[in-house]
Amino acid sequence: MASVTIKRSVLLKAVVTERLKAEVTAELQEAADEIARRIEELDTAGRRYITDLQRTDLQRAMALRTQVETEKKRQQEVREGLLARREAVGKWEMGDEVVRGTIEGVVEVNEGDNLAVLLGGTEVVVEDDIVKAIRVLSPGELSMRLQDAIASAEAEEDADSDVLGRIETP
């Protein structure tokens, strides 16, 4: 019987513990602080360069000022998003499972295998870096999660929400 080995995404989930909350909070705060430093550097360098440029080309200086302000605003929005996520981490309940990302794995596919299950329905659950569970979801469970994510997106007011980003399977 022919078979092939294929790369696939595996959902990585973590059980909420005090250690996890502290690590994620620190990571988010560090990222927000780094963005704040970048904003300050952009502001300082931009002001210096714009001041020099105003002496030779006022139009280019004004255009550059607009670009710098736009980038500062974009970076500030990213920073605010990180800080909001940090606040959300504080509300995590001990023992809950949260999605930490995806990891790459391989799977052997044989004739007759259900490809949907092999490629899309695996989760690894860790607690303080120790694997606690490996779950292979059935096609029915995959379908229910997709339907739940779509229903949740439709219920939200934000029409630009990313439905697939909230599905808890890879």
N, C-alpha and C. Protein backbone atom coordinates (compact mmCIF):
# COMPACT_ATOMS: atom_id res chain seq x y z
N MET A 1 0.85 -1.17 0.00
CA MET A 1 0.00 0.00 0.00
C MET A 1 0.90 1.24 0.00
N ALA A 2 0.59 2.19 -0.86
CA ALA A 2 1.39 3.41 -0.96
C ALA A 2 1.08 4.35 0.20
N SER A 3 2.12 5.06 0.62
CA SER A 3 1.93 6.07 1.67
C SER A 3 2.87 7.24 1.38
N VAL A 4 2.56 8.35 2.03
CA VAL A 4 3.38 9.56 1.88
C VAL A 4 3.40 10.28 3.22
N THR A 5 4.52 10.93 3.50
CA THR A 5 4.63 11.72 4.72
C THR A 5 4.40 13.18 4.36
N ILE A 6 3.50 13.84 5.11
CA ILE A 6 3.10 15.22 4.81
C ILE A 6 3.31 16.07 6.06
N LYS A 7 3.72 17.33 5.83
CA LYS A 7 3.80 18.28 6.93
C LYS A 7 2.39 18.77 7.24
N ARG A 8 2.13 19.05 8.51
CA ARG A 8 0.83 19.56 8.92
C ARG A 8 1.00 20.48 10.12
N SER A 9 -0.02 21.28 10.35
CA SER A 9 -0.05 22.15 11.52
C SER A 9 -0.74 21.42 12.67
N VAL A 10 -0.17 21.58 13.84
CA VAL A 10 -0.74 20.99 15.05
C VAL A 10 -0.99 22.15 16.01
N LEU A 11 -2.19 22.22 16.51
CA LEU A 11 -2.56 23.30 17.43
C LEU A 11 -1.90 23.06 18.78
N LEU A 12 -1.25 24.11 19.29
CA LEU A 12 -0.62 24.02 20.60
C LEU A 12 -1.46 24.82 21.59
N LYS A 13 -1.94 24.13 22.61
CA LYS A 13 -2.73 24.75 23.66
C LYS A 13 -1.97 24.62 24.98
N ALA A 14 -2.23 25.55 25.88
CA ALA A 14 -1.60 25.50 27.20
C ALA A 14 -2.68 25.61 28.27
N VAL A 15 -2.49 24.86 29.33
CA VAL A 15 -3.35 24.96 30.49
C VAL A 15 -2.90 26.19 31.28
N VAL A 16 -3.85 27.03 31.64
CA VAL A 16 -3.52 28.26 32.36
C VAL A 16 -3.06 27.93 33.77
N THR A 17 -1.85 28.42 34.07
CA THR A 17 -1.27 28.32 35.41
C THR A 17 -0.73 29.71 35.76
N GLU A 18 -0.36 29.89 37.00
CA GLU A 18 0.24 31.17 37.41
C GLU A 18 1.51 31.44 36.61
N ARG A 19 2.30 30.40 36.40
CA ARG A 19 3.54 30.54 35.63
C ARG A 19 3.26 31.00 34.20
N LEU A 20 2.28 30.38 33.54
CA LEU A 20 1.94 30.77 32.18
C LEU A 20 1.46 32.21 32.12
N LYS A 21 0.58 32.57 33.05
CA LYS A 21 0.08 33.95 33.07
C LYS A 21 1.22 34.94 33.24
N ALA A 22 2.15 34.64 34.13
CA ALA A 22 3.29 35.53 34.36
C ALA A 22 4.17 35.63 33.11
N GLU A 23 4.44 34.49 32.46
CA GLU A 23 5.29 34.49 31.26
C GLU A 23 4.65 35.28 30.13
N VAL A 24 3.37 35.03 29.87
CA VAL A 24 2.70 35.70 28.76
C VAL A 24 2.57 37.19 29.06
N THR A 25 2.24 37.53 30.30
CA THR A 25 2.15 38.94 30.68
C THR A 25 3.48 39.64 30.46
N ALA A 26 4.57 39.00 30.87
CA ALA A 26 5.90 39.59 30.70
C ALA A 26 6.25 39.74 29.23
N GLU A 27 5.94 38.72 28.41
CA GLU A 27 6.22 38.79 26.97
C GLU A 27 5.47 39.95 26.32
N LEU A 28 4.20 40.09 26.65
CA LEU A 28 3.39 41.15 26.07
C LEU A 28 3.87 42.52 26.52
N GLN A 29 4.25 42.65 27.79
CA GLN A 29 4.74 43.92 28.30
C GLN A 29 6.07 44.28 27.63
N GLU A 30 6.94 43.30 27.47
CA GLU A 30 8.23 43.53 26.82
C GLU A 30 8.02 43.99 25.37
N ALA A 31 7.11 43.34 24.66
CA ALA A 31 6.82 43.73 23.28
C ALA A 31 6.25 45.15 23.22
N ALA A 32 5.36 45.48 24.15
CA ALA A 32 4.77 46.83 24.19
C ALA A 32 5.84 47.87 24.50
N ASP A 33 6.75 47.54 25.40
CA ASP A 33 7.84 48.46 25.74
C ASP A 33 8.77 48.67 24.54
N GLU A 34 9.04 47.60 23.80
CA GLU A 34 9.89 47.71 22.61
C GLU A 34 9.23 48.61 21.57
N ILE A 35 7.96 48.48 21.38
CA ILE A 35 7.26 49.34 20.43
C ILE A 35 7.29 50.79 20.90
N ALA A 36 7.13 51.00 22.20
CA ALA A 36 7.21 52.37 22.73
C ALA A 36 8.59 52.97 22.45
N ARG A 37 9.65 52.16 22.58
CA ARG A 37 11.00 52.64 22.26
C ARG A 37 11.12 52.99 20.78
N ARG A 38 10.55 52.13 19.93
CA ARG A 38 10.58 52.41 18.48
C ARG A 38 9.84 53.69 18.14
N ILE A 39 8.71 53.90 18.77
CA ILE A 39 7.94 55.12 18.52
C ILE A 39 8.77 56.34 18.91
N GLU A 40 9.42 56.26 20.04
CA GLU A 40 10.25 57.38 20.51
C GLU A 40 11.42 57.63 19.54
N GLU A 41 12.06 56.55 19.10
CA GLU A 41 13.16 56.69 18.14
C GLU A 41 12.68 57.28 16.82
N LEU A 42 11.54 56.81 16.35
CA LEU A 42 10.97 57.32 15.11
C LEU A 42 10.65 58.79 15.25
N ASP A 43 10.09 59.17 16.37
CA ASP A 43 9.75 60.57 16.61
C ASP A 43 11.00 61.44 16.63
N THR A 44 12.00 61.01 17.36
CA THR A 44 13.24 61.79 17.48
C THR A 44 13.95 61.91 16.14
N ALA A 45 14.16 60.78 15.47
CA ALA A 45 14.86 60.80 14.18
C ALA A 45 14.04 61.55 13.13
N GLY A 46 12.73 61.34 13.15
CA GLY A 46 11.86 62.03 12.20
C GLY A 46 11.90 63.53 12.36
N ARG A 47 11.81 63.99 13.60
CA ARG A 47 11.87 65.44 13.85
C ARG A 47 13.19 66.04 13.37
N ARG A 48 14.27 65.34 13.67
CA ARG A 48 15.60 65.83 13.28
C ARG A 48 15.71 65.91 11.75
N TYR A 49 15.31 64.85 11.08
CA TYR A 49 15.42 64.81 9.63
C TYR A 49 14.46 65.81 8.97
N ILE A 50 13.26 65.91 9.49
CA ILE A 50 12.27 66.85 8.93
C ILE A 50 12.75 68.29 9.09
N THR A 51 13.35 68.60 10.23
CA THR A 51 13.87 69.95 10.44
C THR A 51 14.94 70.29 9.41
N ASP A 52 15.84 69.34 9.16
CA ASP A 52 16.88 69.57 8.14
C ASP A 52 16.27 69.68 6.75
N LEU A 53 15.29 68.84 6.46
CA LEU A 53 14.68 68.82 5.14
C LEU A 53 13.86 70.07 4.86
N GLN A 54 13.27 70.66 5.90
CA GLN A 54 12.45 71.86 5.72
C GLN A 54 13.28 73.01 5.12
N ARG A 55 14.55 73.02 5.40
CA ARG A 55 15.41 74.08 4.88
C ARG A 55 15.58 74.00 3.38
N THR A 56 15.46 72.80 2.82
CA THR A 56 15.70 72.64 1.38
C THR A 56 14.43 72.33 0.59
N ASP A 57 13.51 71.58 1.17
CA ASP A 57 12.32 71.17 0.41
C ASP A 57 11.13 71.03 1.37
N LEU A 58 10.37 72.10 1.49
CA LEU A 58 9.26 72.13 2.44
C LEU A 58 8.19 71.09 2.11
N GLN A 59 7.92 70.89 0.82
CA GLN A 59 6.89 69.92 0.43
C GLN A 59 7.27 68.50 0.85
N ARG A 60 8.50 68.12 0.58
CA ARG A 60 8.96 66.78 0.96
C ARG A 60 8.96 66.64 2.49
N ALA A 61 9.32 67.71 3.18
CA ALA A 61 9.31 67.69 4.64
C ALA A 61 7.89 67.45 5.17
N MET A 62 6.91 68.10 4.58
CA MET A 62 5.51 67.92 5.01
C MET A 62 5.04 66.50 4.71
N ALA A 63 5.42 65.98 3.53
CA ALA A 63 5.03 64.61 3.17
C ALA A 63 5.67 63.62 4.14
N LEU A 64 6.93 63.84 4.48
CA LEU A 64 7.61 62.96 5.41
C LEU A 64 6.99 63.04 6.80
N ARG A 65 6.61 64.22 7.22
CA ARG A 65 5.96 64.38 8.53
C ARG A 65 4.67 63.55 8.57
N THR A 66 3.91 63.60 7.49
CA THR A 66 2.68 62.81 7.42
C THR A 66 2.99 61.32 7.51
N GLN A 67 4.01 60.87 6.80
CA GLN A 67 4.38 59.46 6.86
C GLN A 67 4.82 59.05 8.26
N VAL A 68 5.62 59.88 8.89
CA VAL A 68 6.09 59.58 10.24
C VAL A 68 4.91 59.51 11.20
N GLU A 69 4.00 60.45 11.12
CA GLU A 69 2.83 60.45 12.01
C GLU A 69 1.95 59.23 11.77
N THR A 70 1.79 58.85 10.51
CA THR A 70 1.00 57.66 10.18
C THR A 70 1.64 56.41 10.78
N GLU A 71 2.95 56.31 10.64
CA GLU A 71 3.65 55.14 11.19
C GLU A 71 3.61 55.14 12.71
N LYS A 72 3.75 56.29 13.33
CA LYS A 72 3.66 56.36 14.79
C LYS A 72 2.27 55.93 15.26
N LYS A 73 1.25 56.35 14.54
CA LYS A 73 -0.12 55.97 14.91
C LYS A 73 -0.31 54.46 14.77
N ARG A 74 0.21 53.90 13.68
CA ARG A 74 0.09 52.46 13.46
C ARG A 74 0.81 51.69 14.57
N GLN A 75 2.01 52.12 14.91
CA GLN A 75 2.77 51.46 15.97
C GLN A 75 2.05 51.60 17.33
N GLN A 76 1.45 52.75 17.57
CA GLN A 76 0.72 52.96 18.82
C GLN A 76 -0.49 52.04 18.91
N GLU A 77 -1.17 51.82 17.79
CA GLU A 77 -2.31 50.91 17.77
C GLU A 77 -1.86 49.48 18.08
N VAL A 78 -0.72 49.08 17.52
CA VAL A 78 -0.17 47.76 17.82
C VAL A 78 0.15 47.65 19.31
N ARG A 79 0.76 48.68 19.85
CA ARG A 79 1.12 48.70 21.28
C ARG A 79 -0.14 48.59 22.15
N GLU A 80 -1.17 49.36 21.80
CA GLU A 80 -2.42 49.30 22.56
C GLU A 80 -3.05 47.91 22.48
N GLY A 81 -2.95 47.27 21.31
CA GLY A 81 -3.45 45.91 21.18
C GLY A 81 -2.71 44.94 22.08
N LEU A 82 -1.39 45.09 22.16
CA LEU A 82 -0.59 44.24 23.05
C LEU A 82 -0.97 44.46 24.51
N LEU A 83 -1.17 45.71 24.88
CA LEU A 83 -1.55 46.01 26.27
C LEU A 83 -2.94 45.47 26.58
N ALA A 84 -3.84 45.53 25.60
CA ALA A 84 -5.19 44.97 25.80
C ALA A 84 -5.11 43.45 25.97
N ARG A 85 -4.25 42.81 25.18
CA ARG A 85 -4.07 41.37 25.32
C ARG A 85 -3.47 41.04 26.69
N ARG A 86 -2.55 41.88 27.17
CA ARG A 86 -1.96 41.67 28.49
C ARG A 86 -3.05 41.72 29.56
N GLU A 87 -3.97 42.68 29.42
CA GLU A 87 -5.08 42.78 30.38
C GLU A 87 -5.97 41.55 30.30
N ALA A 88 -6.21 41.03 29.09
CA ALA A 88 -7.04 39.85 28.92
C ALA A 88 -6.39 38.63 29.58
N VAL A 89 -5.08 38.54 29.52
CA VAL A 89 -4.37 37.43 30.16
C VAL A 89 -4.65 37.43 31.67
N GLY A 90 -4.74 38.60 32.25
CA GLY A 90 -5.03 38.70 33.67
C GLY A 90 -6.38 38.11 34.05
N LYS A 91 -7.26 37.98 33.07
CA LYS A 91 -8.60 37.45 33.32
C LYS A 91 -8.71 35.95 33.04
N TRP A 92 -7.62 35.34 32.56
CA TRP A 92 -7.64 33.90 32.32
C TRP A 92 -7.91 33.17 33.63
N GLU A 93 -8.69 32.12 33.55
CA GLU A 93 -9.01 31.30 34.73
C GLU A 93 -8.05 30.12 34.81
N MET A 94 -7.61 29.82 36.01
CA MET A 94 -6.71 28.68 36.21
C MET A 94 -7.37 27.40 35.71
N GLY A 95 -6.60 26.62 34.97
CA GLY A 95 -7.10 25.35 34.46
C GLY A 95 -7.72 25.42 33.08
N ASP A 96 -8.08 26.62 32.62
CA ASP A 96 -8.60 26.75 31.26
C ASP A 96 -7.50 26.44 30.26
N GLU A 97 -7.89 26.17 29.03
CA GLU A 97 -6.92 25.96 27.96
C GLU A 97 -6.95 27.16 27.03
N VAL A 98 -5.78 27.65 26.67
CA VAL A 98 -5.67 28.77 25.75
C VAL A 98 -4.78 28.36 24.59
N VAL A 99 -5.09 28.89 23.42
CA VAL A 99 -4.30 28.59 22.23
C VAL A 99 -3.01 29.39 22.29
N ARG A 100 -1.88 28.70 22.14
CA ARG A 100 -0.57 29.35 22.17
C ARG A 100 0.03 29.47 20.77
N GLY A 101 -0.57 28.78 19.81
CA GLY A 101 -0.07 28.86 18.44
C GLY A 101 -0.15 27.51 17.76
N THR A 102 0.60 27.40 16.69
CA THR A 102 0.66 26.13 15.98
C THR A 102 2.12 25.72 15.85
N ILE A 103 2.32 24.43 15.77
CA ILE A 103 3.63 23.87 15.53
C ILE A 103 3.53 22.97 14.31
N GLU A 104 4.65 22.73 13.68
CA GLU A 104 4.65 21.90 12.50
C GLU A 104 4.95 20.46 12.89
N GLY A 105 4.21 19.57 12.30
CA GLY A 105 4.42 18.15 12.54
C GLY A 105 4.35 17.41 11.22
N VAL A 106 4.60 16.13 11.26
CA VAL A 106 4.48 15.31 10.06
C VAL A 106 3.51 14.18 10.36
N VAL A 107 2.87 13.71 9.31
CA VAL A 107 1.94 12.60 9.45
C VAL A 107 2.08 11.71 8.22
N GLU A 108 1.97 10.42 8.43
CA GLU A 108 2.00 9.48 7.32
C GLU A 108 0.58 9.27 6.83
N VAL A 109 0.38 9.47 5.54
CA VAL A 109 -0.93 9.32 4.93
C VAL A 109 -0.92 8.08 4.06
N ASN A 110 -1.92 7.24 4.30
CA ASN A 110 -2.06 6.01 3.52
C ASN A 110 -3.37 6.05 2.74
N GLU A 111 -3.46 5.24 1.71
CA GLU A 111 -4.70 5.14 0.95
C GLU A 111 -5.83 4.75 1.91
N GLY A 112 -6.95 5.44 1.78
CA GLY A 112 -8.10 5.16 2.63
C GLY A 112 -8.17 5.99 3.89
N ASP A 113 -7.11 6.74 4.23
CA ASP A 113 -7.13 7.60 5.42
C ASP A 113 -8.05 8.79 5.22
N ASN A 114 -8.61 9.30 6.31
CA ASN A 114 -9.42 10.52 6.27
C ASN A 114 -8.45 11.70 6.37
N LEU A 115 -8.21 12.36 5.26
CA LEU A 115 -7.23 13.44 5.18
C LEU A 115 -7.60 14.61 6.09
N ALA A 116 -8.90 14.92 6.21
CA ALA A 116 -9.34 16.03 7.06
C ALA A 116 -8.91 15.81 8.50
N VAL A 117 -9.04 14.60 8.98
CA VAL A 117 -8.66 14.29 10.36
C VAL A 117 -7.14 14.34 10.49
N LEU A 118 -6.43 13.76 9.55
CA LEU A 118 -4.97 13.71 9.65
C LEU A 118 -4.32 15.08 9.57
N LEU A 119 -4.88 15.97 8.75
CA LEU A 119 -4.25 17.27 8.56
C LEU A 119 -4.79 18.35 9.47
N GLY A 120 -6.02 18.25 9.93
CA GLY A 120 -6.61 19.38 10.62
C GLY A 120 -7.09 19.15 12.02
N GLY A 121 -6.92 18.00 12.57
CA GLY A 121 -7.58 17.77 13.83
C GLY A 121 -6.69 17.31 14.96
N THR A 122 -5.49 17.83 15.07
CA THR A 122 -4.61 17.40 16.15
C THR A 122 -4.27 18.58 17.06
N GLU A 123 -4.35 18.34 18.36
CA GLU A 123 -4.00 19.35 19.35
C GLU A 123 -3.02 18.74 20.35
N VAL A 124 -2.05 19.53 20.76
CA VAL A 124 -1.15 19.14 21.84
C VAL A 124 -1.42 20.11 22.98
N VAL A 125 -1.70 19.58 24.16
CA VAL A 125 -1.99 20.40 25.33
C VAL A 125 -0.83 20.25 26.31
N VAL A 126 -0.28 21.42 26.72
CA VAL A 126 0.84 21.41 27.67
C VAL A 126 0.45 22.17 28.93
N GLU A 127 1.07 21.77 30.02
CA GLU A 127 0.91 22.49 31.29
C GLU A 127 2.31 22.71 31.84
N ASP A 128 2.72 23.97 31.92
CA ASP A 128 4.07 24.33 32.35
C ASP A 128 5.12 23.52 31.57
N ASP A 129 4.96 23.50 30.25
CA ASP A 129 5.87 22.87 29.29
C ASP A 129 5.86 21.35 29.30
N ILE A 130 4.99 20.73 30.05
CA ILE A 130 4.86 19.28 30.08
C ILE A 130 3.62 18.89 29.27
N VAL A 131 3.78 17.98 28.30
CA VAL A 131 2.65 17.55 27.48
C VAL A 131 1.67 16.78 28.36
N LYS A 132 0.44 17.28 28.39
CA LYS A 132 -0.61 16.66 29.20
C LYS A 132 -1.57 15.83 28.35
N ALA A 133 -1.73 16.23 27.07
CA ALA A 133 -2.67 15.49 26.22
C ALA A 133 -2.32 15.72 24.76
N ILE A 134 -2.61 14.70 23.97
CA ILE A 134 -2.56 14.81 22.51
C ILE A 134 -3.93 14.36 22.05
N ARG A 135 -4.62 15.25 21.35
CA ARG A 135 -5.99 14.98 20.94
C ARG A 135 -6.08 14.94 19.42
N VAL A 136 -6.77 13.93 18.92
CA VAL A 136 -7.08 13.86 17.50
C VAL A 136 -8.59 14.01 17.39
N LEU A 137 -9.01 15.11 16.77
CA LEU A 137 -10.44 15.41 16.70
C LEU A 137 -11.10 14.67 15.54
N SER A 138 -12.33 14.29 15.76
CA SER A 138 -13.09 13.62 14.70
C SER A 138 -13.59 14.66 13.70
N PRO A 139 -13.98 14.24 12.49
CA PRO A 139 -14.53 15.19 11.53
C PRO A 139 -15.74 15.94 12.09
N GLY A 140 -16.55 15.28 12.90
CA GLY A 140 -17.70 15.95 13.50
C GLY A 140 -17.29 17.06 14.45
N GLU A 141 -16.26 16.81 15.26
CA GLU A 141 -15.76 17.84 16.17
C GLU A 141 -15.16 19.01 15.40
N LEU A 142 -14.44 18.71 14.32
CA LEU A 142 -13.89 19.77 13.48
C LEU A 142 -15.00 20.63 12.90
N SER A 143 -16.03 20.00 12.40
CA SER A 143 -17.16 20.70 11.81
C SER A 143 -17.87 21.57 12.84
N MET A 144 -18.07 21.03 14.05
CA MET A 144 -18.74 21.80 15.10
C MET A 144 -17.92 23.03 15.49
N ARG A 145 -16.62 22.90 15.59
CA ARG A 145 -15.78 24.04 15.94
C ARG A 145 -15.82 25.11 14.86
N LEU A 146 -15.82 24.69 13.61
CA LEU A 146 -15.91 25.64 12.51
C LEU A 146 -17.26 26.36 12.55
N GLN A 147 -18.33 25.64 12.77
CA GLN A 147 -19.66 26.25 12.87
C GLN A 147 -19.73 27.22 14.05
N ASP A 148 -19.15 26.84 15.18
CA ASP A 148 -19.14 27.72 16.36
C ASP A 148 -18.37 29.00 16.07
N ALA A 149 -17.23 28.89 15.39
CA ALA A 149 -16.43 30.07 15.06
C ALA A 149 -17.18 30.99 14.11
N ILE A 150 -17.85 30.42 13.14
CA ILE A 150 -18.62 31.23 12.19
C ILE A 150 -19.78 31.91 12.89
N ALA A 151 -20.50 31.19 13.73
CA ALA A 151 -21.62 31.78 14.47
C ALA A 151 -21.13 32.90 15.39
N SER A 152 -19.99 32.69 16.03
CA SER A 152 -19.42 33.71 16.90
C SER A 152 -19.07 34.96 16.11
N ALA A 153 -18.50 34.78 14.94
CA ALA A 153 -18.12 35.92 14.10
C ALA A 153 -19.35 36.68 13.62
N GLU A 154 -20.38 35.96 13.27
CA GLU A 154 -21.60 36.62 12.81
C GLU A 154 -22.27 37.40 13.94
N ALA A 155 -22.10 36.93 15.17
CA ALA A 155 -22.71 37.61 16.30
C ALA A 155 -21.97 38.90 16.69
N GLU A 156 -20.72 38.97 16.32
CA GLU A 156 -19.92 40.16 16.66
C GLU A 156 -20.30 41.33 15.77
N GLU A 157 -20.11 42.53 16.29
CA GLU A 157 -20.39 43.73 15.51
C GLU A 157 -19.29 44.04 14.53
N ASP A 158 -18.08 43.58 14.80
CA ASP A 158 -16.94 43.87 13.94
C ASP A 158 -17.02 43.05 12.66
N ALA A 159 -17.43 43.68 11.56
CA ALA A 159 -17.59 42.99 10.29
C ALA A 159 -16.26 42.54 9.70
N ASP A 160 -15.16 43.12 10.14
CA ASP A 160 -13.85 42.77 9.60
C ASP A 160 -13.17 41.66 10.38
N SER A 161 -13.87 41.01 11.30
CA SER A 161 -13.23 40.01 12.13
C SER A 161 -12.76 38.82 11.30
N ASP A 162 -11.71 38.20 11.76
CA ASP A 162 -11.09 37.07 11.08
C ASP A 162 -11.69 35.78 11.64
N VAL A 163 -12.64 35.21 10.92
CA VAL A 163 -13.32 34.01 11.39
C VAL A 163 -12.34 32.87 11.58
N LEU A 164 -11.48 32.64 10.61
CA LEU A 164 -10.57 31.50 10.70
C LEU A 164 -9.55 31.66 11.81
N GLY A 165 -9.27 32.90 12.23
CA GLY A 165 -8.31 33.12 13.30
C GLY A 165 -8.82 32.69 14.66
N ARG A 166 -10.13 32.44 14.77
CA ARG A 166 -10.69 32.04 16.04
C ARG A 166 -11.06 30.58 16.11
N ILE A 167 -10.84 29.85 15.05
CA ILE A 167 -11.13 28.43 15.08
C ILE A 167 -10.05 27.76 15.92
N GLU A 168 -10.45 26.93 16.83
CA GLU A 168 -9.47 26.35 17.76
C GLU A 168 -8.87 25.06 17.23
N THR A 169 -8.75 24.93 15.94
CA THR A 169 -8.03 23.81 15.35
C THR A 169 -7.14 24.36 14.27
N PRO A 170 -6.06 23.66 13.96
CA PRO A 170 -5.16 24.16 12.93
C PRO A 170 -5.78 24.12 11.56
